N, C-alpha and C. Protein backbone atom coordinates (compact mmCIF):
# COMPACT_ATOMS: atom_id res chain seq x y z
N MET A 1 106.72 54.66 106.33
CA MET A 1 106.71 54.08 104.99
C MET A 1 107.19 55.13 103.99
N PRO A 2 108.23 54.85 103.23
CA PRO A 2 108.74 55.82 102.27
C PRO A 2 107.72 56.13 101.17
N VAL A 3 107.91 57.27 100.54
CA VAL A 3 107.04 57.71 99.46
C VAL A 3 107.44 56.98 98.17
N SER A 4 106.45 56.38 97.51
CA SER A 4 106.73 55.68 96.26
C SER A 4 106.71 56.67 95.09
N ALA A 5 107.21 56.22 93.95
CA ALA A 5 107.22 57.06 92.75
C ALA A 5 105.80 57.41 92.33
N ASP A 6 104.88 56.47 92.39
CA ASP A 6 103.50 56.73 91.99
C ASP A 6 102.84 57.75 92.93
N GLU A 7 103.10 57.64 94.23
CA GLU A 7 102.54 58.60 95.18
C GLU A 7 103.08 60.00 94.92
N LEU A 8 104.37 60.08 94.65
CA LEU A 8 104.98 61.37 94.37
C LEU A 8 104.40 61.99 93.10
N ILE A 9 104.22 61.19 92.06
CA ILE A 9 103.64 61.69 90.81
C ILE A 9 102.23 62.21 91.06
N ARG A 10 101.44 61.49 91.85
CA ARG A 10 100.07 61.95 92.17
C ARG A 10 100.11 63.26 92.93
N LEU A 11 101.02 63.39 93.89
CA LEU A 11 101.14 64.62 94.66
C LEU A 11 101.56 65.79 93.76
N LEU A 12 102.52 65.55 92.88
CA LEU A 12 102.94 66.59 91.94
C LEU A 12 101.80 66.99 91.01
N SER A 13 100.98 66.02 90.62
CA SER A 13 99.82 66.31 89.76
C SER A 13 98.84 67.22 90.48
N VAL A 14 98.58 66.96 91.75
CA VAL A 14 97.66 67.79 92.54
C VAL A 14 98.22 69.21 92.67
N LEU A 15 99.50 69.33 92.97
CA LEU A 15 100.12 70.65 93.09
C LEU A 15 100.06 71.41 91.77
N ALA A 16 100.36 70.74 90.69
CA ALA A 16 100.34 71.38 89.37
C ALA A 16 98.92 71.81 89.01
N GLU A 17 97.94 71.00 89.38
CA GLU A 17 96.54 71.34 89.12
C GLU A 17 96.14 72.59 89.91
N GLU A 18 96.56 72.65 91.17
CA GLU A 18 96.26 73.81 92.01
C GLU A 18 96.87 75.08 91.43
N GLU A 19 98.04 74.97 90.84
CA GLU A 19 98.74 76.13 90.27
C GLU A 19 98.35 76.37 88.82
N ASN A 20 97.50 75.52 88.25
CA ASN A 20 97.05 75.62 86.86
C ASN A 20 98.25 75.67 85.89
N LEU A 21 99.20 74.78 86.12
CA LEU A 21 100.38 74.72 85.26
C LEU A 21 100.06 73.94 84.00
N ARG A 22 100.51 74.48 82.88
CA ARG A 22 100.37 73.83 81.57
C ARG A 22 101.72 73.89 80.88
N VAL A 23 101.88 73.05 79.90
CA VAL A 23 103.13 73.04 79.14
C VAL A 23 102.84 73.13 77.65
N THR A 24 103.83 73.59 76.93
CA THR A 24 103.75 73.61 75.48
C THR A 24 105.10 73.19 74.94
N VAL A 25 105.07 72.51 73.83
CA VAL A 25 106.31 72.06 73.22
C VAL A 25 106.52 72.85 71.94
N LYS A 26 107.32 73.87 72.02
CA LYS A 26 107.75 74.67 70.87
C LYS A 26 106.60 75.36 70.14
N GLU A 27 105.38 75.27 70.60
CA GLU A 27 104.26 75.89 69.91
C GLU A 27 104.30 77.41 70.03
N THR A 28 104.79 77.90 71.15
CA THR A 28 104.86 79.34 71.35
C THR A 28 105.81 79.97 70.34
N MET A 29 106.91 79.33 70.07
CA MET A 29 107.87 79.85 69.09
C MET A 29 107.23 79.88 67.69
N LYS A 30 106.51 78.84 67.34
CA LYS A 30 105.84 78.81 66.04
C LYS A 30 104.82 79.94 65.93
N ALA A 31 104.07 80.15 67.02
CA ALA A 31 103.05 81.22 67.01
C ALA A 31 103.72 82.58 66.84
N GLY A 32 104.85 82.79 67.50
CA GLY A 32 105.57 84.05 67.36
C GLY A 32 106.04 84.29 65.93
N VAL A 33 106.52 83.24 65.30
CA VAL A 33 106.96 83.35 63.90
C VAL A 33 105.78 83.69 62.99
N MET A 34 104.63 83.05 63.24
CA MET A 34 103.45 83.33 62.42
C MET A 34 103.00 84.78 62.58
N ALA A 35 102.97 85.26 63.81
CA ALA A 35 102.55 86.65 64.05
C ALA A 35 103.54 87.63 63.42
N GLY A 36 104.83 87.35 63.57
CA GLY A 36 105.86 88.21 62.99
C GLY A 36 105.83 88.21 61.47
N THR A 37 105.59 87.05 60.89
CA THR A 37 105.49 86.96 59.43
C THR A 37 104.30 87.77 58.93
N GLY A 38 103.19 87.66 59.63
CA GLY A 38 102.01 88.44 59.25
C GLY A 38 102.27 89.93 59.32
N ALA A 39 102.96 90.38 60.37
CA ALA A 39 103.28 91.80 60.52
C ALA A 39 104.25 92.25 59.42
N THR A 40 105.22 91.43 59.08
CA THR A 40 106.18 91.78 58.05
C THR A 40 105.52 91.90 56.68
N ILE A 41 104.70 90.92 56.34
CA ILE A 41 104.00 90.96 55.05
C ILE A 41 103.06 92.16 55.01
N GLY A 42 102.34 92.38 56.10
CA GLY A 42 101.45 93.53 56.16
C GLY A 42 102.19 94.84 56.02
N GLY A 43 103.35 94.95 56.66
CA GLY A 43 104.16 96.16 56.57
C GLY A 43 104.67 96.41 55.17
N LEU A 44 105.06 95.36 54.48
CA LEU A 44 105.54 95.50 53.10
C LEU A 44 104.42 95.93 52.16
N MET A 45 103.22 95.47 52.45
CA MET A 45 102.10 95.77 51.56
C MET A 45 101.37 97.06 51.92
N GLY A 46 101.35 97.40 53.21
CA GLY A 46 100.51 98.54 53.60
C GLY A 46 101.14 99.51 54.55
N GLY A 47 102.45 99.46 54.73
CA GLY A 47 103.11 100.41 55.62
C GLY A 47 102.73 100.18 57.08
N PRO A 48 102.75 101.27 57.88
CA PRO A 48 102.48 101.13 59.31
C PRO A 48 101.11 100.50 59.64
N LEU A 49 100.08 100.89 58.91
CA LEU A 49 98.77 100.29 59.14
C LEU A 49 98.78 98.82 58.75
N GLY A 50 99.52 98.48 57.71
CA GLY A 50 99.66 97.09 57.28
C GLY A 50 100.34 96.23 58.33
N ILE A 51 101.28 96.82 59.06
CA ILE A 51 101.94 96.09 60.14
C ILE A 51 100.91 95.67 61.18
N ALA A 52 100.05 96.63 61.56
CA ALA A 52 99.03 96.34 62.56
C ALA A 52 98.05 95.28 62.07
N VAL A 53 97.59 95.43 60.86
CA VAL A 53 96.61 94.48 60.31
C VAL A 53 97.27 93.12 60.11
N GLY A 54 98.46 93.10 59.53
CA GLY A 54 99.17 91.83 59.30
C GLY A 54 99.52 91.13 60.59
N GLY A 55 99.97 91.90 61.58
CA GLY A 55 100.30 91.31 62.89
C GLY A 55 99.08 90.71 63.55
N THR A 56 97.96 91.42 63.44
CA THR A 56 96.71 90.91 64.02
C THR A 56 96.27 89.64 63.31
N CYS A 57 96.30 89.66 61.99
CA CYS A 57 95.91 88.46 61.21
C CYS A 57 96.85 87.29 61.51
N GLY A 58 98.14 87.58 61.57
CA GLY A 58 99.12 86.53 61.88
C GLY A 58 98.91 85.96 63.28
N SER A 59 98.59 86.82 64.23
CA SER A 59 98.34 86.38 65.61
C SER A 59 97.08 85.52 65.69
N LEU A 60 96.03 85.93 65.00
CA LEU A 60 94.79 85.15 65.00
C LEU A 60 95.02 83.78 64.37
N PHE A 61 95.78 83.76 63.28
CA PHE A 61 96.09 82.49 62.62
C PHE A 61 96.91 81.59 63.57
N ALA A 62 97.88 82.20 64.24
CA ALA A 62 98.72 81.45 65.18
C ALA A 62 97.87 80.88 66.32
N ALA A 63 96.95 81.68 66.84
CA ALA A 63 96.08 81.21 67.92
C ALA A 63 95.24 80.01 67.45
N TYR A 64 94.73 80.10 66.25
CA TYR A 64 93.94 79.00 65.69
C TYR A 64 94.80 77.75 65.52
N MET A 65 96.00 77.90 65.01
CA MET A 65 96.87 76.75 64.73
C MET A 65 97.39 76.08 66.01
N THR A 66 97.56 76.84 67.08
CA THR A 66 98.09 76.27 68.31
C THR A 66 97.00 75.87 69.29
N ASN A 67 95.74 76.04 68.91
CA ASN A 67 94.64 75.67 69.78
C ASN A 67 94.72 74.18 70.12
N GLY A 68 94.66 73.87 71.41
CA GLY A 68 94.72 72.48 71.85
C GLY A 68 96.12 71.91 71.97
N LYS A 69 97.15 72.72 71.72
CA LYS A 69 98.52 72.24 71.78
C LYS A 69 99.10 72.35 73.20
N PHE A 70 98.38 72.99 74.09
CA PHE A 70 98.83 73.12 75.47
C PHE A 70 98.19 71.99 76.28
N LYS A 71 98.98 71.35 77.11
CA LYS A 71 98.48 70.26 77.95
C LYS A 71 98.69 70.64 79.41
N SER A 72 97.85 70.10 80.26
CA SER A 72 98.05 70.34 81.68
C SER A 72 99.23 69.49 82.16
N VAL A 73 99.91 69.98 83.18
CA VAL A 73 101.04 69.23 83.74
C VAL A 73 100.59 67.88 84.29
N PRO A 74 99.43 67.80 85.00
CA PRO A 74 99.00 66.47 85.44
C PRO A 74 98.83 65.48 84.28
N GLN A 75 98.33 65.96 83.15
CA GLN A 75 98.18 65.09 81.98
C GLN A 75 99.56 64.62 81.49
N ILE A 76 100.51 65.53 81.45
CA ILE A 76 101.87 65.17 81.03
C ILE A 76 102.47 64.14 81.98
N LEU A 77 102.28 64.36 83.29
CA LEU A 77 102.84 63.43 84.28
C LEU A 77 102.25 62.03 84.12
N GLN A 78 100.96 61.95 83.84
CA GLN A 78 100.32 60.65 83.67
C GLN A 78 100.75 59.96 82.38
N GLU A 79 101.10 60.74 81.36
CA GLU A 79 101.48 60.18 80.06
C GLU A 79 102.96 59.83 79.97
N MET A 80 103.74 60.18 80.99
CA MET A 80 105.18 59.91 80.95
C MET A 80 105.45 58.41 80.95
N LYS A 81 106.53 58.03 80.30
CA LYS A 81 106.97 56.64 80.28
C LYS A 81 107.49 56.28 81.67
N PRO A 82 107.47 54.99 82.02
CA PRO A 82 107.94 54.57 83.35
C PRO A 82 109.37 55.02 83.65
N GLU A 83 110.25 54.99 82.65
CA GLU A 83 111.63 55.42 82.91
C GLU A 83 111.72 56.93 83.18
N GLN A 84 110.83 57.71 82.54
CA GLN A 84 110.79 59.15 82.80
C GLN A 84 110.28 59.41 84.23
N LYS A 85 109.27 58.66 84.63
CA LYS A 85 108.75 58.80 85.99
C LYS A 85 109.82 58.44 87.01
N GLN A 86 110.56 57.41 86.72
CA GLN A 86 111.62 56.98 87.65
C GLN A 86 112.72 58.04 87.75
N LYS A 87 113.05 58.66 86.62
CA LYS A 87 114.06 59.72 86.62
C LYS A 87 113.57 60.93 87.43
N LEU A 88 112.30 61.28 87.27
CA LEU A 88 111.71 62.37 88.04
C LEU A 88 111.73 62.02 89.53
N TYR A 89 111.39 60.81 89.86
CA TYR A 89 111.41 60.35 91.25
C TYR A 89 112.82 60.45 91.83
N ALA A 90 113.82 60.04 91.06
CA ALA A 90 115.22 60.12 91.52
C ALA A 90 115.63 61.57 91.75
N GLN A 91 115.18 62.47 90.89
CA GLN A 91 115.48 63.89 91.06
C GLN A 91 114.88 64.40 92.37
N TYR A 92 113.67 63.96 92.69
CA TYR A 92 113.03 64.41 93.91
C TYR A 92 113.64 63.80 95.16
N GLN A 93 114.30 62.68 95.05
CA GLN A 93 115.01 62.14 96.20
C GLN A 93 116.11 63.11 96.63
N ILE A 94 116.70 63.78 95.65
CA ILE A 94 117.74 64.78 95.93
C ILE A 94 117.10 66.07 96.45
N ILE A 95 116.03 66.53 95.80
CA ILE A 95 115.37 67.77 96.19
C ILE A 95 114.83 67.69 97.62
N LEU A 96 114.25 66.55 97.96
CA LEU A 96 113.59 66.40 99.27
C LEU A 96 114.52 65.91 100.36
N GLN A 97 115.76 65.69 100.01
CA GLN A 97 116.74 65.21 100.98
C GLN A 97 116.85 66.20 102.14
N GLY A 98 116.82 65.69 103.33
CA GLY A 98 116.96 66.55 104.51
C GLY A 98 115.64 67.04 105.08
N LEU A 99 114.55 66.85 104.36
CA LEU A 99 113.24 67.23 104.89
C LEU A 99 112.72 66.10 105.78
N ASP A 100 111.99 66.48 106.80
CA ASP A 100 111.51 65.52 107.78
C ASP A 100 110.09 65.06 107.45
N TYR A 101 109.97 63.90 106.82
CA TYR A 101 108.67 63.31 106.52
C TYR A 101 108.83 61.79 106.50
N SER A 102 107.74 61.09 106.82
CA SER A 102 107.83 59.64 106.86
C SER A 102 106.94 58.96 105.82
N ASP A 103 105.91 59.67 105.34
CA ASP A 103 105.03 59.10 104.32
C ASP A 103 104.48 60.23 103.45
N ILE A 104 103.64 59.87 102.50
CA ILE A 104 103.11 60.84 101.55
C ILE A 104 102.27 61.90 102.25
N TYR A 105 101.58 61.53 103.32
CA TYR A 105 100.74 62.50 104.04
C TYR A 105 101.58 63.55 104.74
N ASP A 106 102.68 63.12 105.36
CA ASP A 106 103.61 64.07 105.98
C ASP A 106 104.21 65.00 104.93
N LEU A 107 104.58 64.42 103.80
CA LEU A 107 105.18 65.22 102.73
C LEU A 107 104.17 66.24 102.20
N GLN A 108 102.93 65.83 102.01
CA GLN A 108 101.90 66.75 101.52
C GLN A 108 101.69 67.89 102.51
N LYS A 109 101.62 67.59 103.80
CA LYS A 109 101.47 68.64 104.83
C LYS A 109 102.66 69.58 104.81
N LEU A 110 103.84 69.03 104.65
CA LEU A 110 105.06 69.83 104.63
C LEU A 110 105.04 70.80 103.44
N ILE A 111 104.66 70.29 102.28
CA ILE A 111 104.65 71.12 101.07
C ILE A 111 103.57 72.19 101.14
N THR A 112 102.38 71.82 101.55
CA THR A 112 101.29 72.80 101.59
C THR A 112 101.44 73.78 102.74
N GLY A 113 102.17 73.41 103.77
CA GLY A 113 102.33 74.28 104.93
C GLY A 113 103.52 75.22 104.87
N ASP A 114 104.42 75.02 103.93
CA ASP A 114 105.63 75.83 103.85
C ASP A 114 105.81 76.31 102.41
N SER A 115 105.62 77.60 102.18
CA SER A 115 105.68 78.13 100.82
C SER A 115 107.07 77.97 100.19
N LYS A 116 108.11 77.98 101.02
CA LYS A 116 109.46 77.79 100.50
C LYS A 116 109.64 76.37 99.95
N VAL A 117 109.15 75.39 100.69
CA VAL A 117 109.24 74.00 100.25
C VAL A 117 108.36 73.79 99.01
N LYS A 118 107.16 74.37 99.01
CA LYS A 118 106.28 74.26 97.86
C LYS A 118 106.94 74.86 96.62
N GLY A 119 107.55 76.02 96.77
CA GLY A 119 108.26 76.64 95.65
C GLY A 119 109.40 75.77 95.14
N MET A 120 110.12 75.15 96.07
CA MET A 120 111.23 74.28 95.71
C MET A 120 110.73 73.06 94.93
N VAL A 121 109.61 72.51 95.36
CA VAL A 121 109.04 71.33 94.70
C VAL A 121 108.53 71.70 93.30
N LEU A 122 107.83 72.82 93.18
CA LEU A 122 107.32 73.25 91.88
C LEU A 122 108.45 73.64 90.93
N GLU A 123 109.49 74.25 91.46
CA GLU A 123 110.64 74.60 90.63
C GLU A 123 111.34 73.34 90.12
N GLY A 124 111.43 72.33 90.96
CA GLY A 124 112.01 71.06 90.53
C GLY A 124 111.22 70.42 89.41
N LEU A 125 109.89 70.50 89.51
CA LEU A 125 109.03 69.97 88.46
C LEU A 125 109.22 70.76 87.16
N SER A 126 109.25 72.07 87.28
CA SER A 126 109.45 72.92 86.11
C SER A 126 110.79 72.62 85.44
N ASN A 127 111.84 72.52 86.23
CA ASN A 127 113.17 72.22 85.68
C ASN A 127 113.19 70.88 84.98
N TYR A 128 112.54 69.87 85.56
CA TYR A 128 112.50 68.56 84.94
C TYR A 128 111.80 68.62 83.58
N LEU A 129 110.64 69.27 83.55
CA LEU A 129 109.88 69.36 82.31
C LEU A 129 110.65 70.13 81.24
N GLN A 130 111.34 71.18 81.64
CA GLN A 130 112.10 71.98 80.67
C GLN A 130 113.36 71.26 80.21
N ASN A 131 114.11 70.72 81.14
CA ASN A 131 115.42 70.15 80.80
C ASN A 131 115.35 68.73 80.24
N GLU A 132 114.45 67.92 80.76
CA GLU A 132 114.40 66.52 80.34
C GLU A 132 113.40 66.26 79.22
N LEU A 133 112.29 67.02 79.21
CA LEU A 133 111.23 66.76 78.23
C LEU A 133 111.09 67.89 77.21
N ASN A 134 111.95 68.91 77.30
CA ASN A 134 111.94 70.05 76.38
C ASN A 134 110.57 70.73 76.28
N MET A 135 109.97 70.96 77.42
CA MET A 135 108.65 71.60 77.47
C MET A 135 108.77 72.93 78.20
N ALA A 136 107.94 73.87 77.80
CA ALA A 136 107.91 75.18 78.44
C ALA A 136 106.69 75.25 79.34
N ILE A 137 106.88 75.79 80.55
CA ILE A 137 105.79 75.91 81.52
C ILE A 137 105.01 77.18 81.27
N VAL A 138 103.69 77.08 81.34
CA VAL A 138 102.80 78.22 81.25
C VAL A 138 102.03 78.27 82.57
N GLY A 139 102.21 79.32 83.34
CA GLY A 139 101.55 79.45 84.64
C GLY A 139 102.56 79.91 85.66
N ASN A 140 102.12 80.07 86.89
CA ASN A 140 103.01 80.54 87.96
C ASN A 140 103.68 79.35 88.62
N VAL A 141 105.00 79.35 88.62
CA VAL A 141 105.76 78.31 89.29
C VAL A 141 106.28 78.89 90.59
N GLY A 142 105.85 78.31 91.70
CA GLY A 142 106.32 78.78 93.00
C GLY A 142 105.48 79.83 93.50
């Protein structure tokens, strides 16, 4: 029995959970700008010590502002629109082409038993999230 799109999404969610993968949408760039702005203002007002104080204050403010902006990859996968899920499924038909499996259980054994295949699957997920959904991965991929 071939692997369905829903089964594949569930398997990817489990793998992402095991790897503690999270995503952020442009929040990291905003936080960097806030920290840099704080350091610049501090430097203008207080010289080298002002840079340290301003950078620290800017970083703390950035951390506060971006709190809760990171989502787990399984949460993102579950919130995707049906057409996005279908596109991800189509991408995996290409990635998994040539691998020997007949159902989701065989595929899961194959992925968990071979680090190269697992890395390939996680890299495919990372690429999809970055290229199609404009999200940045936080965590170890592969």
